[in-house]
Amino acid sequence: MECLNINYYISYILIFLFPLLYYVVLRESDNVKIIDQVGELIGENIARILFFVVFISLWISPYIYFEFCDLEKIDKVKGNFFW
């Protein structure tokens, strides 16, 4: 399994996931939120559940596909992370 640098994972969250959350749930275009527009097509509750499932799977997918090798560098004596 390939190693994923924890700094890349944090960058992934800040650069991709939080803007996705803002764009879909919080941002309004023509005074209507994007998730509400999707909710009109497929149903409001289904749209929110679908977005929640997609967001959570994008959040945890690096845990499934990569191994956090940086976390192995924990100083077990002091209990501090490498940074």
PDB file of N, CA and C in Angstrom:
ATOM      1  N   MET A   1       0.843  -1.176   0.000  1.00  0.00           N
ATOM      2  CA  MET A   1       0.000   0.000   0.000  1.00  0.00           C
ATOM      3  C   MET A   1       0.891   1.243   0.000  1.00  0.00           C
ATOM      4  N   GLU A   2       0.542   2.223  -0.779  1.00  0.00           N
ATOM      5  CA  GLU A   2       1.343   3.431  -0.868  1.00  0.00           C
ATOM      6  C   GLU A   2       1.154   4.308   0.357  1.00  0.00           C
ATOM      7  N   CYS A   3       2.159   5.124   0.611  1.00  0.00           N
ATOM      8  CA  CYS A   3       2.102   6.030   1.751  1.00  0.00           C
ATOM      9  C   CYS A   3       1.477   7.357   1.341  1.00  0.00           C
ATOM     10  N   LEU A   4       0.713   7.908   2.228  1.00  0.00           N
ATOM     11  CA  LEU A   4       0.124   9.226   2.022  1.00  0.00           C
ATOM     12  C   LEU A   4       0.662  10.158   3.097  1.00  0.00           C
ATOM     13  N   ASN A   5       1.257  11.220   2.658  1.00  0.00           N
ATOM     14  CA  ASN A   5       1.760  12.222   3.586  1.00  0.00           C
ATOM     15  C   ASN A   5       0.578  12.910   4.250  1.00  0.00           C
ATOM     16  N   ILE A   6       0.617  13.041   5.559  1.00  0.00           N
ATOM     17  CA  ILE A   6      -0.488  13.651   6.312  1.00  0.00           C
ATOM     18  C   ILE A   6      -0.708  15.099   5.875  1.00  0.00           C
ATOM     19  N   ASN A   7       0.358  15.760   5.433  1.00  0.00           N
ATOM     20  CA  ASN A   7       0.214  17.139   4.967  1.00  0.00           C
ATOM     21  C   ASN A   7      -0.607  17.207   3.687  1.00  0.00           C
ATOM     22  N   TYR A   8      -0.469  16.206   2.818  1.00  0.00           N
ATOM     23  CA  TYR A   8      -1.287  16.150   1.603  1.00  0.00           C
ATOM     24  C   TYR A   8      -2.747  15.910   1.939  1.00  0.00           C
ATOM     25  N   TYR A   9      -2.984  15.084   2.940  1.00  0.00           N
ATOM     26  CA  TYR A   9      -4.363  14.811   3.346  1.00  0.00           C
ATOM     27  C   TYR A   9      -5.025  16.071   3.908  1.00  0.00           C
ATOM     28  N   ILE A  10      -4.315  16.806   4.712  1.00  0.00           N
ATOM     29  CA  ILE A  10      -4.857  18.056   5.253  1.00  0.00           C
ATOM     30  C   ILE A  10      -5.097  19.055   4.128  1.00  0.00           C
ATOM     31  N   SER A  11      -4.178  19.112   3.173  1.00  0.00           N
ATOM     32  CA  SER A  11      -4.368  19.985   2.013  1.00  0.00           C
ATOM     33  C   SER A  11      -5.582  19.556   1.202  1.00  0.00           C
ATOM     34  N   TYR A  12      -5.778  18.260   1.043  1.00  0.00           N
ATOM     35  CA  TYR A  12      -6.952  17.719   0.337  1.00  0.00           C
ATOM     36  C   TYR A  12      -8.238  18.179   1.008  1.00  0.00           C
ATOM     37  N   ILE A  13      -8.266  18.146   2.312  1.00  0.00           N
ATOM     38  CA  ILE A  13      -9.459  18.575   3.046  1.00  0.00           C
ATOM     39  C   ILE A  13      -9.683  20.069   2.873  1.00  0.00           C
ATOM     40  N   LEU A  14      -8.635  20.857   3.030  1.00  0.00           N
ATOM     41  CA  LEU A  14      -8.788  22.312   2.968  1.00  0.00           C
ATOM     42  C   LEU A  14      -9.052  22.831   1.555  1.00  0.00           C
ATOM     43  N   ILE A  15      -8.414  22.227   0.568  1.00  0.00           N
ATOM     44  CA  ILE A  15      -8.524  22.742  -0.798  1.00  0.00           C
ATOM     45  C   ILE A  15      -9.712  22.147  -1.554  1.00  0.00           C
ATOM     46  N   PHE A  16     -10.114  20.918  -1.245  1.00  0.00           N
ATOM     47  CA  PHE A  16     -11.179  20.274  -2.002  1.00  0.00           C
ATOM     48  C   PHE A  16     -12.473  20.088  -1.214  1.00  0.00           C
ATOM     49  N   LEU A  17     -12.400  19.487  -0.037  1.00  0.00           N
ATOM     50  CA  LEU A  17     -13.624  19.120   0.664  1.00  0.00           C
ATOM     51  C   LEU A  17     -14.376  20.313   1.245  1.00  0.00           C
ATOM     52  N   PHE A  18     -13.689  21.231   1.894  1.00  0.00           N
ATOM     53  CA  PHE A  18     -14.390  22.384   2.459  1.00  0.00           C
ATOM     54  C   PHE A  18     -14.982  23.287   1.380  1.00  0.00           C
ATOM     55  N   PRO A  19     -14.272  23.559   0.273  1.00  0.00           N
ATOM     56  CA  PRO A  19     -14.934  24.309  -0.807  1.00  0.00           C
ATOM     57  C   PRO A  19     -16.121  23.566  -1.411  1.00  0.00           C
ATOM     58  N   LEU A  20     -16.045  22.244  -1.514  1.00  0.00           N
ATOM     59  CA  LEU A  20     -17.183  21.466  -1.994  1.00  0.00           C
ATOM     60  C   LEU A  20     -18.378  21.632  -1.063  1.00  0.00           C
ATOM     61  N   LEU A  21     -18.125  21.571   0.223  1.00  0.00           N
ATOM     62  CA  LEU A  21     -19.187  21.774   1.203  1.00  0.00           C
ATOM     63  C   LEU A  21     -19.778  23.167   1.080  1.00  0.00           C
ATOM     64  N   TYR A  22     -18.932  24.163   0.933  1.00  0.00           N
ATOM     65  CA  TYR A  22     -19.414  25.534   0.789  1.00  0.00           C
ATOM     66  C   TYR A  22     -20.229  25.694  -0.495  1.00  0.00           C
ATOM     67  N   TYR A  23     -19.710  25.174  -1.599  1.00  0.00           N
ATOM     68  CA  TYR A  23     -20.352  25.365  -2.895  1.00  0.00           C
ATOM     69  C   TYR A  23     -21.723  24.683  -2.958  1.00  0.00           C
ATOM     70  N   VAL A  24     -21.829  23.497  -2.401  1.00  0.00           N
ATOM     71  CA  VAL A  24     -23.079  22.740  -2.518  1.00  0.00           C
ATOM     72  C   VAL A  24     -24.095  23.126  -1.451  1.00  0.00           C
ATOM     73  N   VAL A  25     -23.656  23.307  -0.218  1.00  0.00           N
ATOM     74  CA  VAL A  25     -24.604  23.478   0.880  1.00  0.00           C
ATOM     75  C   VAL A  25     -24.801  24.938   1.274  1.00  0.00           C
ATOM     76  N   LEU A  26     -23.755  25.720   1.302  1.00  0.00           N
ATOM     77  CA  LEU A  26     -23.856  27.073   1.861  1.00  0.00           C
ATOM     78  C   LEU A  26     -24.033  28.176   0.822  1.00  0.00           C
ATOM     79  N   ARG A  27     -23.441  28.014  -0.343  1.00  0.00           N
ATOM     80  CA  ARG A  27     -23.464  29.064  -1.360  1.00  0.00           C
ATOM     81  C   ARG A  27     -24.840  29.155  -2.000  1.00  0.00           C
ATOM     82  N   GLU A  28     -25.272  30.367  -2.232  1.00  0.00           N
ATOM     83  CA  GLU A  28     -26.559  30.586  -2.877  1.00  0.00           C
ATOM     84  C   GLU A  28     -26.351  31.187  -4.257  1.00  0.00           C
ATOM     85  N   SER A  29     -27.047  30.653  -5.246  1.00  0.00           N
ATOM     86  CA  SER A  29     -27.064  31.242  -6.573  1.00  0.00           C
ATOM     87  C   SER A  29     -28.520  31.564  -6.877  1.00  0.00           C
ATOM     88  N   ASP A  30     -28.777  32.808  -7.197  1.00  0.00           N
ATOM     89  CA  ASP A  30     -30.147  33.294  -7.417  1.00  0.00           C
ATOM     90  C   ASP A  30     -31.015  33.058  -6.175  1.00  0.00           C
ATOM     91  N   ASN A  31     -30.421  33.275  -4.986  1.00  0.00           N
ATOM     92  CA  ASN A  31     -31.091  33.127  -3.691  1.00  0.00           C
ATOM     93  C   ASN A  31     -31.592  31.713  -3.425  1.00  0.00           C
ATOM     94  N   VAL A  32     -31.034  30.736  -4.106  1.00  0.00           N
ATOM     95  CA  VAL A  32     -31.383  29.333  -3.884  1.00  0.00           C
ATOM     96  C   VAL A  32     -30.084  28.555  -3.727  1.00  0.00           C
ATOM     97  N   LYS A  33     -30.007  27.712  -2.710  1.00  0.00           N
ATOM     98  CA  LYS A  33     -28.819  26.904  -2.504  1.00  0.00           C
ATOM     99  C   LYS A  33     -28.786  25.773  -3.519  1.00  0.00           C
ATOM    100  N   ILE A  34     -27.578  25.360  -3.867  1.00  0.00           N
ATOM    101  CA  ILE A  34     -27.387  24.315  -4.867  1.00  0.00           C
ATOM    102  C   ILE A  34     -28.066  23.019  -4.423  1.00  0.00           C
ATOM    103  N   ILE A  35     -27.952  22.692  -3.153  1.00  0.00           N
ATOM    104  CA  ILE A  35     -28.557  21.446  -2.675  1.00  0.00           C
ATOM    105  C   ILE A  35     -30.078  21.511  -2.758  1.00  0.00           C
ATOM    106  N   ASP A  36     -30.641  22.711  -2.625  1.00  0.00           N
ATOM    107  CA  ASP A  36     -32.086  22.858  -2.771  1.00  0.00           C
ATOM    108  C   ASP A  36     -32.516  22.688  -4.223  1.00  0.00           C
ATOM    109  N   GLN A  37     -31.674  23.139  -5.157  1.00  0.00           N
ATOM    110  CA  GLN A  37     -31.976  22.934  -6.573  1.00  0.00           C
ATOM    111  C   GLN A  37     -31.965  21.457  -6.925  1.00  0.00           C
ATOM    112  N   VAL A  38     -31.003  20.733  -6.394  1.00  0.00           N
ATOM    113  CA  VAL A  38     -30.954  19.285  -6.622  1.00  0.00           C
ATOM    114  C   VAL A  38     -32.133  18.626  -5.919  1.00  0.00           C
ATOM    115  N   GLY A  39     -32.494  19.155  -4.743  1.00  0.00           N
ATOM    116  CA  GLY A  39     -33.620  18.607  -3.998  1.00  0.00           C
ATOM    117  C   GLY A  39     -34.937  18.722  -4.734  1.00  0.00           C
ATOM    118  N   GLU A  40     -35.081  19.741  -5.563  1.00  0.00           N
ATOM    119  CA  GLU A  40     -36.297  19.870  -6.356  1.00  0.00           C
ATOM    120  C   GLU A  40     -36.405  18.765  -7.399  1.00  0.00           C
ATOM    121  N   LEU A  41     -35.268  18.285  -7.865  1.00  0.00           N
ATOM    122  CA  LEU A  41     -35.271  17.238  -8.892  1.00  0.00           C
ATOM    123  C   LEU A  41     -35.496  15.841  -8.308  1.00  0.00           C
ATOM    124  N   ILE A  42     -34.804  15.522  -7.219  1.00  0.00           N
ATOM    125  CA  ILE A  42     -34.861  14.149  -6.710  1.00  0.00           C
ATOM    126  C   ILE A  42     -35.482  14.042  -5.322  1.00  0.00           C
ATOM    127  N   GLY A  43     -35.881  15.139  -4.749  1.00  0.00           N
ATOM    128  CA  GLY A  43     -36.436  15.115  -3.396  1.00  0.00           C
ATOM    129  C   GLY A  43     -35.445  15.698  -2.413  1.00  0.00           C
ATOM    130  N   GLU A  44     -35.944  16.522  -1.510  1.00  0.00           N
ATOM    131  CA  GLU A  44     -35.057  17.255  -0.607  1.00  0.00           C
ATOM    132  C   GLU A  44     -34.287  16.339   0.328  1.00  0.00           C
ATOM    133  N   ASN A  45     -34.963  15.398   0.960  1.00  0.00           N
ATOM    134  CA  ASN A  45     -34.279  14.507   1.899  1.00  0.00           C
ATOM    135  C   ASN A  45     -33.292  13.594   1.193  1.00  0.00           C
ATOM    136  N   ILE A  46     -33.662  13.115   0.020  1.00  0.00           N
ATOM    137  CA  ILE A  46     -32.765  12.233  -0.728  1.00  0.00           C
ATOM    138  C   ILE A  46     -31.519  12.995  -1.165  1.00  0.00           C
ATOM    139  N   ALA A  47     -31.666  14.250  -1.561  1.00  0.00           N
ATOM    140  CA  ALA A  47     -30.512  15.056  -1.971  1.00  0.00           C
ATOM    141  C   ALA A  47     -29.568  15.286  -0.803  1.00  0.00           C
ATOM    142  N   ARG A  48     -30.103  15.572   0.361  1.00  0.00           N
ATOM    143  CA  ARG A  48     -29.247  15.794   1.532  1.00  0.00           C
ATOM    144  C   ARG A  48     -28.548  14.505   1.974  1.00  0.00           C
ATOM    145  N   ILE A  49     -29.277  13.399   1.948  1.00  0.00           N
ATOM    146  CA  ILE A  49     -28.663  12.119   2.319  1.00  0.00           C
ATOM    147  C   ILE A  49     -27.591  11.733   1.301  1.00  0.00           C
ATOM    148  N   LEU A  50     -27.885  11.925   0.028  1.00  0.00           N
ATOM    149  CA  LEU A  50     -26.915  11.608  -1.015  1.00  0.00           C
ATOM    150  C   LEU A  50     -25.653  12.457  -0.881  1.00  0.00           C
ATOM    151  N   PHE A  51     -25.819  13.759  -0.637  1.00  0.00           N
ATOM    152  CA  PHE A  51     -24.642  14.605  -0.450  1.00  0.00           C
ATOM    153  C   PHE A  51     -23.858  14.174   0.782  1.00  0.00           C
ATOM    154  N   PHE A  52     -24.540  13.837   1.865  1.00  0.00           N
ATOM    155  CA  PHE A  52     -23.867  13.401   3.085  1.00  0.00           C
ATOM    156  C   PHE A  52     -23.049  12.136   2.825  1.00  0.00           C
ATOM    157  N   VAL A  53     -23.616  11.178   2.127  1.00  0.00           N
ATOM    158  CA  VAL A  53     -22.911   9.929   1.838  1.00  0.00           C
ATOM    159  C   VAL A  53     -21.694  10.191   0.944  1.00  0.00           C
ATOM    160  N   VAL A  54     -21.859  11.025  -0.071  1.00  0.00           N
ATOM    161  CA  VAL A  54     -20.741  11.341  -0.971  1.00  0.00           C
ATOM    162  C   VAL A  54     -19.646  12.093  -0.217  1.00  0.00           C
ATOM    163  N   PHE A  55     -20.030  13.063   0.607  1.00  0.00           N
ATOM    164  CA  PHE A  55     -19.050  13.854   1.346  1.00  0.00           C
ATOM    165  C   PHE A  55     -18.268  12.984   2.329  1.00  0.00           C
ATOM    166  N   ILE A  56     -18.962  12.132   3.068  1.00  0.00           N
ATOM    167  CA  ILE A  56     -18.280  11.262   4.031  1.00  0.00           C
ATOM    168  C   ILE A  56     -17.379  10.263   3.308  1.00  0.00           C
ATOM    169  N   SER A  57     -17.829   9.713   2.171  1.00  0.00           N
ATOM    170  CA  SER A  57     -16.969   8.774   1.460  1.00  0.00           C
ATOM    171  C   SER A  57     -15.737   9.462   0.878  1.00  0.00           C
ATOM    172  N   LEU A  58     -15.879  10.715   0.432  1.00  0.00           N
ATOM    173  CA  LEU A  58     -14.694  11.447  -0.017  1.00  0.00           C
ATOM    174  C   LEU A  58     -13.769  11.766   1.150  1.00  0.00           C
ATOM    175  N   TRP A  59     -14.338  11.992   2.309  1.00  0.00           N
ATOM    176  CA  TRP A  59     -13.540  12.307   3.498  1.00  0.00           C
ATOM    177  C   TRP A  59     -12.709  11.106   3.938  1.00  0.00           C
ATOM    178  N   ILE A  60     -13.292   9.908   3.924  1.00  0.00           N
ATOM    179  CA  ILE A  60     -12.582   8.739   4.445  1.00  0.00           C
ATOM    180  C   ILE A  60     -11.880   7.914   3.371  1.00  0.00           C
ATOM    181  N   SER A  61     -12.067   8.226   2.102  1.00  0.00           N
ATOM    182  CA  SER A  61     -11.435   7.426   1.052  1.00  0.00           C
ATOM    183  C   SER A  61      -9.911   7.383   1.145  1.00  0.00           C
ATOM    184  N   PRO A  62      -9.212   8.450   1.541  1.00  0.00           N
ATOM    185  CA  PRO A  62      -7.750   8.306   1.701  1.00  0.00           C
ATOM    186  C   PRO A  62      -7.367   7.292   2.775  1.00  0.00           C
ATOM    187  N   TYR A  63      -8.208   7.115   3.808  1.00  0.00           N
ATOM    188  CA  TYR A  63      -7.922   6.098   4.821  1.00  0.00           C
ATOM    189  C   TYR A  63      -8.003   4.698   4.233  1.00  0.00           C
ATOM    190  N   ILE A  64      -8.864   4.512   3.247  1.00  0.00           N
ATOM    191  CA  ILE A  64      -9.068   3.199   2.656  1.00  0.00           C
ATOM    192  C   ILE A  64      -7.973   2.882   1.634  1.00  0.00           C
ATOM    193  N   TYR A  65      -7.602   3.869   0.812  1.00  0.00           N
ATOM    194  CA  TYR A  65      -6.696   3.619  -0.304  1.00  0.00           C
ATOM    195  C   TYR A  65      -5.219   3.811   0.031  1.00  0.00           C
ATOM    196  N   PHE A  66      -4.923   4.533   1.103  1.00  0.00           N
ATOM    197  CA  PHE A  66      -3.525   4.810   1.429  1.00  0.00           C
ATOM    198  C   PHE A  66      -3.245   4.454   2.882  1.00  0.00           C
ATOM    199  N   GLU A  67      -1.978   4.365   3.176  1.00  0.00           N
ATOM    200  CA  GLU A  67      -1.530   4.145   4.537  1.00  0.00           C
ATOM    201  C   GLU A  67      -0.810   5.412   4.985  1.00  0.00           C
ATOM    202  N   PHE A  68      -1.111   5.873   6.183  1.00  0.00           N
ATOM    203  CA  PHE A  68      -0.482   7.079   6.700  1.00  0.00           C
ATOM    204  C   PHE A  68       0.842   6.701   7.346  1.00  0.00           C
ATOM    205  N   CYS A  69       1.906   6.697   6.550  1.00  0.00           N
ATOM    206  CA  CYS A  69       3.221   6.296   7.043  1.00  0.00           C
ATOM    207  C   CYS A  69       3.797   7.322   8.013  1.00  0.00           C
ATOM    208  N   ASP A  70       3.392   8.584   7.874  1.00  0.00           N
ATOM    209  CA  ASP A  70       3.902   9.609   8.781  1.00  0.00           C
ATOM    210  C   ASP A  70       3.456   9.362  10.211  1.00  0.00           C
ATOM    211  N   LEU A  71       2.338   8.719  10.373  1.00  0.00           N
ATOM    212  CA  LEU A  71       1.850   8.458  11.722  1.00  0.00           C
ATOM    213  C   LEU A  71       2.686   7.412  12.434  1.00  0.00           C
ATOM    214  N   GLU A  72       3.497   6.678  11.682  1.00  0.00           N
ATOM    215  CA  GLU A  72       4.403   5.709  12.293  1.00  0.00           C
ATOM    216  C   GLU A  72       5.595   6.392  12.951  1.00  0.00           C
ATOM    217  N   LYS A  73       5.784   7.678  12.667  1.00  0.00           N
ATOM    218  CA  LYS A  73       6.917   8.418  13.221  1.00  0.00           C
ATOM    219  C   LYS A  73       6.580   9.054  14.568  1.00  0.00           C
ATOM    220  N   ILE A  74       5.556   8.585  15.221  1.00  0.00           N
ATOM    221  CA  ILE A  74       5.175   9.139  16.507  1.00  0.00           C
ATOM    222  C   ILE A  74       6.229   8.744  17.544  1.00  0.00           C
ATOM    223  N   ASP A  75       6.621   9.719  18.309  1.00  0.00           N
ATOM    224  CA  ASP A  75       7.571   9.461  19.388  1.00  0.00           C
ATOM    225  C   ASP A  75       6.785   8.878  20.549  1.00  0.00           C
ATOM    226  N   LYS A  76       6.900   7.587  20.738  1.00  0.00           N
ATOM    227  CA  LYS A  76       6.075   6.917  21.737  1.00  0.00           C
ATOM    228  C   LYS A  76       6.501   7.213  23.160  1.00  0.00           C
ATOM    229  N   VAL A  77       7.727   7.651  23.345  1.00  0.00           N
ATOM    230  CA  VAL A  77       8.194   7.974  24.685  1.00  0.00           C
ATOM    231  C   VAL A  77       7.572   9.270  25.176  1.00  0.00           C
ATOM    232  N   LYS A  78       7.609  10.307  24.323  1.00  0.00           N
ATOM    233  CA  LYS A  78       7.083  11.624  24.694  1.00  0.00           C
ATOM    234  C   LYS A  78       5.597  11.734  24.399  1.00  0.00           C
ATOM    235  N   GLY A  79       5.102  10.916  23.494  1.00  0.00           N
ATOM    236  CA  GLY A  79       3.699  10.998  23.116  1.00  0.00           C
ATOM    237  C   GLY A  79       3.408  12.140  22.167  1.00  0.00           C
ATOM    238  N   ASN A  80       4.443  12.663  21.489  1.00  0.00           N
ATOM    239  CA  ASN A  80       4.262  13.785  20.560  1.00  0.00           C
ATOM    240  C   ASN A  80       4.308  13.273  19.135  1.00  0.00           C
ATOM    241  N   PHE A  81       3.588  13.935  18.252  1.00  0.00           N
ATOM    242  CA  PHE A  81       3.668  13.641  16.833  1.00  0.00           C
ATOM    243  C   PHE A  81       4.972  14.206  16.303  1.00  0.00           C
ATOM    244  N   PHE A  82       5.316  13.791  15.090  1.00  0.00           N
ATOM    245  CA  PHE A  82       6.605  14.181  14.515  1.00  0.00           C
ATOM    246  C   PHE A  82       6.687  15.678  14.244  1.00  0.00           C
ATOM    247  N   TRP A  83       5.574  16.363  14.113  1.00  0.00           N
ATOM    248  CA  TRP A  83       5.668  17.801  13.868  1.00  0.00           C
ATOM    249  C   TRP A  83       5.623  18.523  15.173  1.00  0.00           C
TER     250      TRP A  83
END
